[in-house]
Each structure stands twice: as structure tokens, then as C-alpha cells.
Amino acid sequence: MSGDVAADGGRSAFARASWANVLGNVVKIVAEGAAGYVFGSVALLADAAHSVADLVASVVVLVWGRSAFDEPDDTHPHGHTRIEPLTALFVGAVIALLGLNLLYRSAEGLVAGPDIQFSPLLLAALGFSIADMYLVYHYTVRINESLQSTALAALAKDCLNDIYTSVAAIVGVLGVLVDVPVLDPIAGGLVSLLVVYQGVEIGRENVDYLIGAAPGTEKRAEITDLLRRHPAVEGVHDLTVFYDGTVLEVEVHVEVDGDLPFREAHDVESELVDRLRGLDDVGDAHVHLDPSGIGEWKSADEY
């Protein structure tokens, strides 16, 4: 029952954070898009268009990402955790592609020359958008403290990215005010580069989760040290640590006294599995006990 309740609670919190991102982006698109269109600001239109991609990504996370909370079944015996990095990878791809499109539009503005009319409403729209995105960012991060969802983390990063892009757009609008209108497409270009970078970074991180990449040597050392601290453990070998979705799976052979009674050996194995599952980021662990001293393993000299 507790597992079902936890899953339902996690799914509900995930949905609330996703809805906050959807609604926050809708508000931002309307505010910046209307002001940018009326007064001809490339920077505002670029920022609003960026939020269109954010909206699409938020909807995908809302609809698709909740599947990560489904229980394991016959067709998915390890659960559905890989849906999260797959969703986040989609978010990153959308962001990067839109950034390239915005970069092209900014270049067009530089070549053709900016055609923008200053209005305090431009600054008001950008200030409102910054406040909007900060509230969504703060709410998403707070919800994700307990969920540790990579999809929500990607949305939170994009909210923060939106704040930076809006600040860049403010620079462009202020350039119009001081009679340097070329700052508007330049600001749009800088926004675009930041958007592309953020999308690539999100994608790169989540590809590792999807292909089952191994963590760094520090995590392997932490696992080895934890196993060796058990009084019954005499050696550790053939350690494999890899990502299964966003969590780590550990497979390891552990050497113990070959004369241990079977029941005691079983208890040692259970204790080691529990210790491993208690580590941060570790979702599951498989421990195989070997009698010490026989040396019949792949990495006999490794540990």
C-alpha cells in the first residue's frame, strides 16, 4: 500500500509541476508575443517563440513523463524509469532546434536592419515574464526535491534559461531607447546561442541515462568501499555499475569465507543488497557470493 501511495503522490506532484510549466509558458507567450508583434521587437518575438517550444516540451512532459511512475509489469520488468530521460531528451532536442531557428531570424534582423519602436510596454512585458518564469522555476525545483525527476529538472533549467533570455531581450529593448536599435537583433542572437547550448546540454546528459552509461570512478570507489566495510567480506570483483533510466543498477561478486553456513551466507547477501540500495542514485543491486581465494573471475587483480 505504501508503494502505491508513494507512486500516486509522486505522480500527482509531477502533474502539478508540469501543469505549472504549461500555464507559465502560455502566459509568457501571450505577454511577450503581443508586445513584440505590436512594436516589432525581434528579441521579444524570439523569446516568445522560445517559449512556444517550452510549451510543447511541457505538454510532452505532462502527458508522457507520468508513465515513469507506473509499476513494473510483464513487458517492463524493470519499471518505466527510462521514460523520464527519454522525455527530457525530447525537451533538449526541441530547445536546440528552436534556438537554431531563432539564430537564423536574428541574423536576418542584422542583415535587413531592425525595425522596432520603443515602448515601456516592452519592458513591462519582459519584467512580467521574468517574474512568471521565476515563480514557475521555484515551484518546479521545490516539487522536484523529493521526486528527482530528470524531466522536471530539464523544465526547471529551461525556466532559468528563460529568465536569462528575457534579461538579454531587455538589453536589446534598452538599445532602442538609447538609439542603438541594432542591439535588439544582437540580443536575439545571444538568446539563441544560449538556447542552443542549453538544449544540447540537456540532451547530452540524458543520452547517458538512456544508453546505460557508467558513472564516474568516484561512485565505483564508494560502492567498493561500502562492500568492503562489511565484516564478512574478504574481496570484491567483477563490479558493474550502470544507469537503468535515471537510477543506477549494481552487479557485483563478493568474496566471503567458503565455509560459511548457507543461511549465514544468505543473510550476508541480503545485508549487502540493502546497503547498496541505500546509496544515493542506486535503484537496484545484485550481489553474487563467491568463496574467497579461488580467483576464478574476470577481474581477479582489479580489487
Protein backbone atom coordinates (compact mmCIF):
# COMPACT_ATOMS: atom_id res chain seq x y z
CA MET A 1 0.00 0.00 0.00
CA SER A 2 2.78 2.45 0.90
CA GLY A 3 4.41 1.92 -2.51
CA ASP A 4 1.12 2.62 -4.30
CA VAL A 5 0.51 5.70 -2.18
CA ALA A 6 4.03 6.96 -2.83
CA ALA A 7 3.64 6.36 -6.57
CA ASP A 8 0.27 8.13 -6.62
CA GLY A 9 1.67 11.03 -4.61
CA GLY A 10 4.69 11.28 -6.90
CA ARG A 11 2.51 11.18 -10.00
CA SER A 12 0.25 13.92 -8.59
CA ALA A 13 3.20 16.16 -7.67
CA PHE A 14 4.75 15.57 -11.10
CA ALA A 15 1.49 16.56 -12.78
CA ARG A 16 1.20 19.76 -10.70
CA ALA A 17 4.73 20.84 -11.60
CA SER A 18 4.13 20.02 -15.26
CA TRP A 19 0.90 22.00 -15.32
CA ALA A 20 2.67 24.95 -13.72
CA ASN A 21 5.18 24.92 -16.58
CA VAL A 22 2.44 24.65 -19.20
CA LEU A 23 0.45 27.57 -17.79
CA GLY A 24 3.54 29.65 -17.08
CA ASN A 25 4.69 29.34 -20.68
CA VAL A 26 1.25 30.19 -22.05
CA VAL A 27 1.23 33.41 -20.01
CA LYS A 28 4.77 34.28 -21.16
CA ILE A 29 3.97 33.65 -24.83
CA VAL A 30 0.91 35.90 -24.71
CA ALA A 31 2.70 38.75 -22.90
CA GLU A 32 5.90 38.79 -24.94
CA GLY A 33 4.38 37.75 -28.25
CA ALA A 34 1.78 40.51 -28.20
CA ALA A 35 4.28 43.22 -27.21
CA GLY A 36 6.93 42.01 -29.65
CA TYR A 37 4.47 41.86 -32.55
CA VAL A 38 2.95 45.27 -31.92
CA PHE A 39 6.28 47.08 -31.55
CA GLY A 40 8.43 44.96 -33.88
CA SER A 41 10.96 43.63 -31.35
CA VAL A 42 12.97 40.68 -32.69
CA ALA A 43 14.29 39.96 -29.20
CA LEU A 44 10.79 39.68 -27.71
CA LEU A 45 9.46 37.64 -30.60
CA ALA A 46 12.48 35.34 -30.30
CA ASP A 47 11.91 34.93 -26.58
CA ALA A 48 8.19 34.29 -27.11
CA ALA A 49 8.95 31.74 -29.85
CA HIS A 50 11.38 30.04 -27.47
CA SER A 51 8.50 29.70 -25.04
CA VAL A 52 6.39 28.03 -27.73
CA ALA A 53 8.95 25.22 -27.78
CA ASP A 54 8.95 25.25 -23.99
CA LEU A 55 5.18 24.88 -24.06
CA VAL A 56 5.40 21.88 -26.39
CA ALA A 57 8.07 20.33 -24.17
CA SER A 58 5.97 20.96 -21.04
CA VAL A 59 2.93 19.32 -22.60
CA VAL A 60 5.02 16.29 -23.62
CA VAL A 61 6.40 16.00 -20.08
CA LEU A 62 2.88 16.33 -18.64
CA VAL A 63 1.39 13.65 -20.90
CA TRP A 64 4.35 11.31 -21.27
CA GLY A 65 6.52 11.78 -18.20
CA ARG A 66 3.97 10.49 -15.70
CA SER A 67 4.47 6.99 -17.13
CA ALA A 68 7.72 6.85 -15.15
CA PHE A 69 5.60 6.27 -12.03
CA ASP A 70 3.93 3.14 -13.46
CA GLU A 71 4.76 -0.08 -11.63
CA PRO A 72 6.87 -2.79 -13.31
CA ASP A 73 4.84 -5.23 -15.40
CA ASP A 74 5.37 -8.27 -17.63
CA THR A 75 6.52 -6.16 -20.58
CA HIS A 76 8.59 -3.73 -18.48
CA PRO A 77 10.06 -5.83 -15.63
CA HIS A 78 12.50 -3.06 -14.62
CA GLY A 79 9.75 -0.44 -14.49
CA HIS A 80 9.32 2.63 -16.66
CA THR A 81 12.06 4.90 -15.33
CA ARG A 82 13.70 5.33 -18.75
CA ILE A 83 10.68 7.30 -19.90
CA GLU A 84 11.99 10.26 -17.89
CA PRO A 85 15.33 10.71 -19.67
CA LEU A 86 13.61 10.00 -22.99
CA THR A 87 11.16 12.81 -22.26
CA ALA A 88 13.97 15.11 -21.15
CA LEU A 89 15.91 14.26 -24.33
CA PHE A 90 12.91 15.37 -26.36
CA VAL A 91 12.82 18.64 -24.41
CA GLY A 92 16.50 19.22 -25.13
CA ALA A 93 16.10 18.48 -28.85
CA VAL A 94 13.15 20.87 -29.19
CA ILE A 95 15.03 23.61 -27.38
CA ALA A 96 18.17 23.19 -29.52
CA LEU A 97 16.25 23.17 -32.82
CA LEU A 98 14.29 26.27 -31.87
CA GLY A 99 17.49 28.01 -30.83
CA LEU A 100 18.94 27.42 -34.30
CA ASN A 101 15.79 28.85 -35.87
CA LEU A 102 15.96 31.92 -33.65
CA LEU A 103 19.63 32.39 -34.52
CA TYR A 104 18.68 32.48 -38.19
CA ARG A 105 15.97 35.07 -37.54
CA SER A 106 18.39 37.22 -35.55
CA ALA A 107 20.90 37.09 -38.40
CA GLU A 108 18.15 38.19 -40.76
CA GLY A 109 17.43 41.15 -38.47
CA LEU A 110 21.09 42.19 -38.53
CA VAL A 111 21.28 41.99 -42.33
CA ALA A 112 17.97 43.70 -43.09
CA GLY A 113 18.23 46.19 -40.26
CA PRO A 114 15.99 46.34 -37.19
CA ASP A 115 12.53 47.87 -37.44
CA ILE A 116 11.50 48.35 -33.84
CA GLN A 117 9.57 51.02 -31.98
CA PHE A 118 10.36 51.57 -28.31
CA SER A 119 7.57 51.39 -25.74
CA PRO A 120 7.59 50.98 -21.96
CA LEU A 121 5.20 48.09 -22.58
CA LEU A 122 8.13 46.10 -23.99
CA LEU A 123 9.99 46.39 -20.69
CA ALA A 124 6.79 45.71 -18.75
CA ALA A 125 6.16 42.52 -20.74
CA LEU A 126 9.74 41.34 -20.14
CA GLY A 127 9.60 42.17 -16.41
CA PHE A 128 6.32 40.28 -16.11
CA SER A 129 7.82 37.29 -17.96
CA ILE A 130 10.85 37.19 -15.66
CA ALA A 131 8.62 37.15 -12.58
CA ASP A 132 6.40 34.50 -14.19
CA MET A 133 9.31 32.20 -15.02
CA TYR A 134 10.95 32.67 -11.62
CA LEU A 135 7.77 31.55 -9.86
CA VAL A 136 7.45 28.50 -12.14
CA TYR A 137 11.17 27.69 -11.67
CA HIS A 138 10.93 27.93 -7.89
CA TYR A 139 7.80 25.78 -7.76
CA THR A 140 9.25 23.13 -10.10
CA VAL A 141 12.50 22.89 -8.14
CA ARG A 142 10.62 22.62 -4.84
CA ILE A 143 8.42 19.80 -6.16
CA ASN A 144 11.41 18.03 -7.70
CA GLU A 145 13.40 17.99 -4.45
CA SER A 146 11.57 14.81 -3.49
CA LEU A 147 10.92 13.39 -6.98
CA GLN A 148 14.40 13.86 -8.51
CA SER A 149 12.87 13.70 -12.00
CA THR A 150 15.21 14.44 -14.90
CA ALA A 151 12.24 15.60 -16.98
CA LEU A 152 11.25 18.17 -14.35
CA ALA A 153 14.90 19.12 -13.89
CA ALA A 154 15.07 19.85 -17.63
CA LEU A 155 11.98 22.04 -17.39
CA ALA A 156 13.42 23.85 -14.37
CA LYS A 157 16.67 24.53 -16.24
CA ASP A 158 14.67 25.89 -19.11
CA CYS A 159 12.74 28.21 -16.78
CA LEU A 160 16.06 29.58 -15.54
CA ASN A 161 17.21 29.84 -19.13
CA ASP A 162 14.05 31.85 -19.91
CA ILE A 163 15.00 34.37 -17.24
CA TYR A 164 18.42 34.85 -18.81
CA THR A 165 16.96 35.23 -22.29
CA SER A 166 14.47 37.82 -21.05
CA VAL A 167 17.30 39.79 -19.47
CA ALA A 168 19.11 39.72 -22.83
CA ALA A 169 15.93 40.94 -24.51
CA ILE A 170 15.78 43.84 -22.04
CA VAL A 171 19.26 44.85 -23.20
CA GLY A 172 18.01 44.85 -26.78
CA VAL A 173 14.97 46.99 -25.94
CA LEU A 174 17.10 49.44 -23.98
CA GLY A 175 19.34 49.68 -27.05
CA VAL A 176 16.34 51.02 -28.97
CA LEU A 177 15.73 53.56 -26.20
CA VAL A 178 19.29 54.93 -26.48
CA ASP A 179 19.10 54.95 -30.29
CA VAL A 180 21.18 51.78 -30.85
CA PRO A 181 18.44 49.55 -32.34
CA VAL A 182 20.97 47.01 -33.63
CA LEU A 183 21.22 45.77 -30.04
CA ASP A 184 17.78 44.17 -30.46
CA PRO A 185 18.78 41.54 -33.08
CA ILE A 186 22.16 41.14 -31.34
CA ALA A 187 20.35 40.35 -28.09
CA GLY A 188 18.12 37.95 -30.03
CA GLY A 189 21.26 36.21 -31.36
CA LEU A 190 22.75 35.87 -27.88
CA VAL A 191 19.46 34.46 -26.63
CA SER A 192 19.50 31.94 -29.47
CA LEU A 193 23.04 30.75 -28.69
CA LEU A 194 22.14 30.26 -25.04
CA VAL A 195 19.03 28.32 -26.04
CA VAL A 196 21.03 26.00 -28.33
CA TYR A 197 23.64 25.40 -25.63
CA GLN A 198 21.00 24.58 -23.02
CA GLY A 199 19.25 22.15 -25.36
CA VAL A 200 22.48 20.34 -26.23
CA GLU A 201 23.45 20.04 -22.54
CA ILE A 202 20.07 18.60 -21.57
CA GLY A 203 20.27 16.13 -24.43
CA ARG A 204 23.85 15.08 -23.67
CA GLU A 205 23.07 14.37 -20.02
CA ASN A 206 20.02 12.26 -20.77
CA VAL A 207 21.60 10.26 -23.59
CA ASP A 208 23.90 8.80 -20.92
CA TYR A 209 20.87 7.67 -18.95
CA LEU A 210 19.29 6.06 -21.99
CA ILE A 211 22.31 4.10 -23.21
CA GLY A 212 23.14 2.69 -19.77
CA ALA A 213 26.39 4.62 -19.33
CA ALA A 214 28.54 4.01 -16.26
CA PRO A 215 29.01 6.65 -13.56
CA GLY A 216 32.40 8.10 -12.64
CA THR A 217 35.14 6.29 -10.75
CA GLU A 218 34.11 8.00 -7.51
CA LYS A 219 30.80 6.14 -7.42
CA ARG A 220 32.53 2.81 -8.11
CA ALA A 221 35.00 3.53 -5.30
CA GLU A 222 32.15 4.44 -2.95
CA ILE A 223 30.38 1.15 -3.71
CA THR A 224 33.55 -0.92 -3.32
CA ASP A 225 34.36 0.75 0.00
CA LEU A 226 30.84 0.17 1.31
CA LEU A 227 31.02 -3.53 0.44
CA ARG A 228 34.48 -3.99 1.95
CA ARG A 229 33.36 -2.45 5.25
CA HIS A 230 31.10 -5.44 5.90
CA PRO A 231 32.94 -7.76 8.34
CA ALA A 232 32.19 -10.89 6.31
CA VAL A 233 33.54 -9.52 3.01
CA GLU A 234 37.05 -10.62 2.05
CA GLY A 235 37.14 -9.32 -1.51
CA VAL A 236 35.17 -7.60 -4.27
CA HIS A 237 35.40 -8.30 -8.01
CA ASP A 238 33.56 -8.05 -11.32
CA LEU A 239 31.78 -4.86 -10.26
CA THR A 240 29.45 -3.39 -12.90
CA VAL A 241 27.60 -0.12 -12.30
CA PHE A 242 25.38 1.40 -14.98
CA TYR A 243 22.36 3.63 -15.39
CA ASP A 244 18.98 1.98 -15.79
CA GLY A 245 17.00 5.08 -16.61
CA THR A 246 17.90 7.75 -14.08
CA VAL A 247 18.94 5.33 -11.32
CA LEU A 248 21.99 3.12 -11.02
CA GLU A 249 21.99 -0.66 -11.12
CA VAL A 250 24.81 -2.54 -9.42
CA GLU A 251 26.01 -6.04 -10.24
CA VAL A 252 28.92 -7.38 -8.20
CA HIS A 253 30.65 -10.55 -7.00
CA VAL A 254 31.72 -10.55 -3.35
CA GLU A 255 34.15 -13.00 -1.74
CA VAL A 256 33.33 -14.50 1.66
CA ASP A 257 34.54 -17.43 3.71
CA GLY A 258 33.73 -20.55 1.69
CA ASP A 259 32.80 -22.46 4.84
CA LEU A 260 30.00 -20.07 5.86
CA PRO A 261 26.72 -21.91 6.53
CA PHE A 262 24.23 -21.34 3.73
CA ARG A 263 21.79 -19.39 5.93
CA GLU A 264 24.56 -17.05 7.13
CA ALA A 265 25.73 -16.51 3.55
CA HIS A 266 22.16 -15.65 2.56
CA ASP A 267 21.96 -13.11 5.40
CA VAL A 268 25.25 -11.52 4.30
CA GLU A 269 23.99 -11.22 0.74
CA SER A 270 20.74 -9.59 1.91
CA GLU A 271 22.63 -7.12 4.11
CA LEU A 272 24.91 -6.14 1.22
CA VAL A 273 21.98 -5.63 -1.15
CA ASP A 274 20.24 -3.43 1.43
CA ARG A 275 23.40 -1.37 1.92
CA LEU A 276 23.78 -0.84 -1.81
CA ARG A 277 20.13 0.11 -2.29
CA GLY A 278 20.55 2.66 0.49
CA LEU A 279 23.12 4.61 -1.53
CA ASP A 280 22.07 7.74 -3.37
CA ASP A 281 21.14 7.11 -7.02
CA VAL A 282 21.17 3.31 -6.64
CA GLY A 283 17.86 1.75 -7.62
CA ASP A 284 18.66 -1.97 -7.58
CA ALA A 285 21.57 -4.23 -6.72
CA HIS A 286 22.51 -7.84 -7.44
CA VAL A 287 25.16 -9.47 -5.28
CA HIS A 288 26.71 -12.86 -6.03
CA LEU A 289 28.72 -14.54 -3.27
CA ASP A 290 31.91 -16.43 -4.10
CA PRO A 291 34.20 -18.44 -1.79
CA SER A 292 37.37 -16.43 -1.23
CA GLY A 293 40.71 -17.46 -2.67
CA ILE A 294 39.64 -19.37 -5.79
CA GLY A 295 40.45 -16.49 -8.18
CA GLU A 296 38.04 -17.62 -10.90
CA TRP A 297 36.72 -14.27 -12.08
CA LYS A 298 37.24 -11.76 -14.86
CA SER A 299 38.89 -9.03 -12.82
CA ALA A 300 40.86 -11.04 -10.26
CA ASP A 301 43.58 -8.38 -9.98
CA GLU A 302 41.26 -5.39 -10.01
CA TYR A 303 40.35 -5.35 -6.35
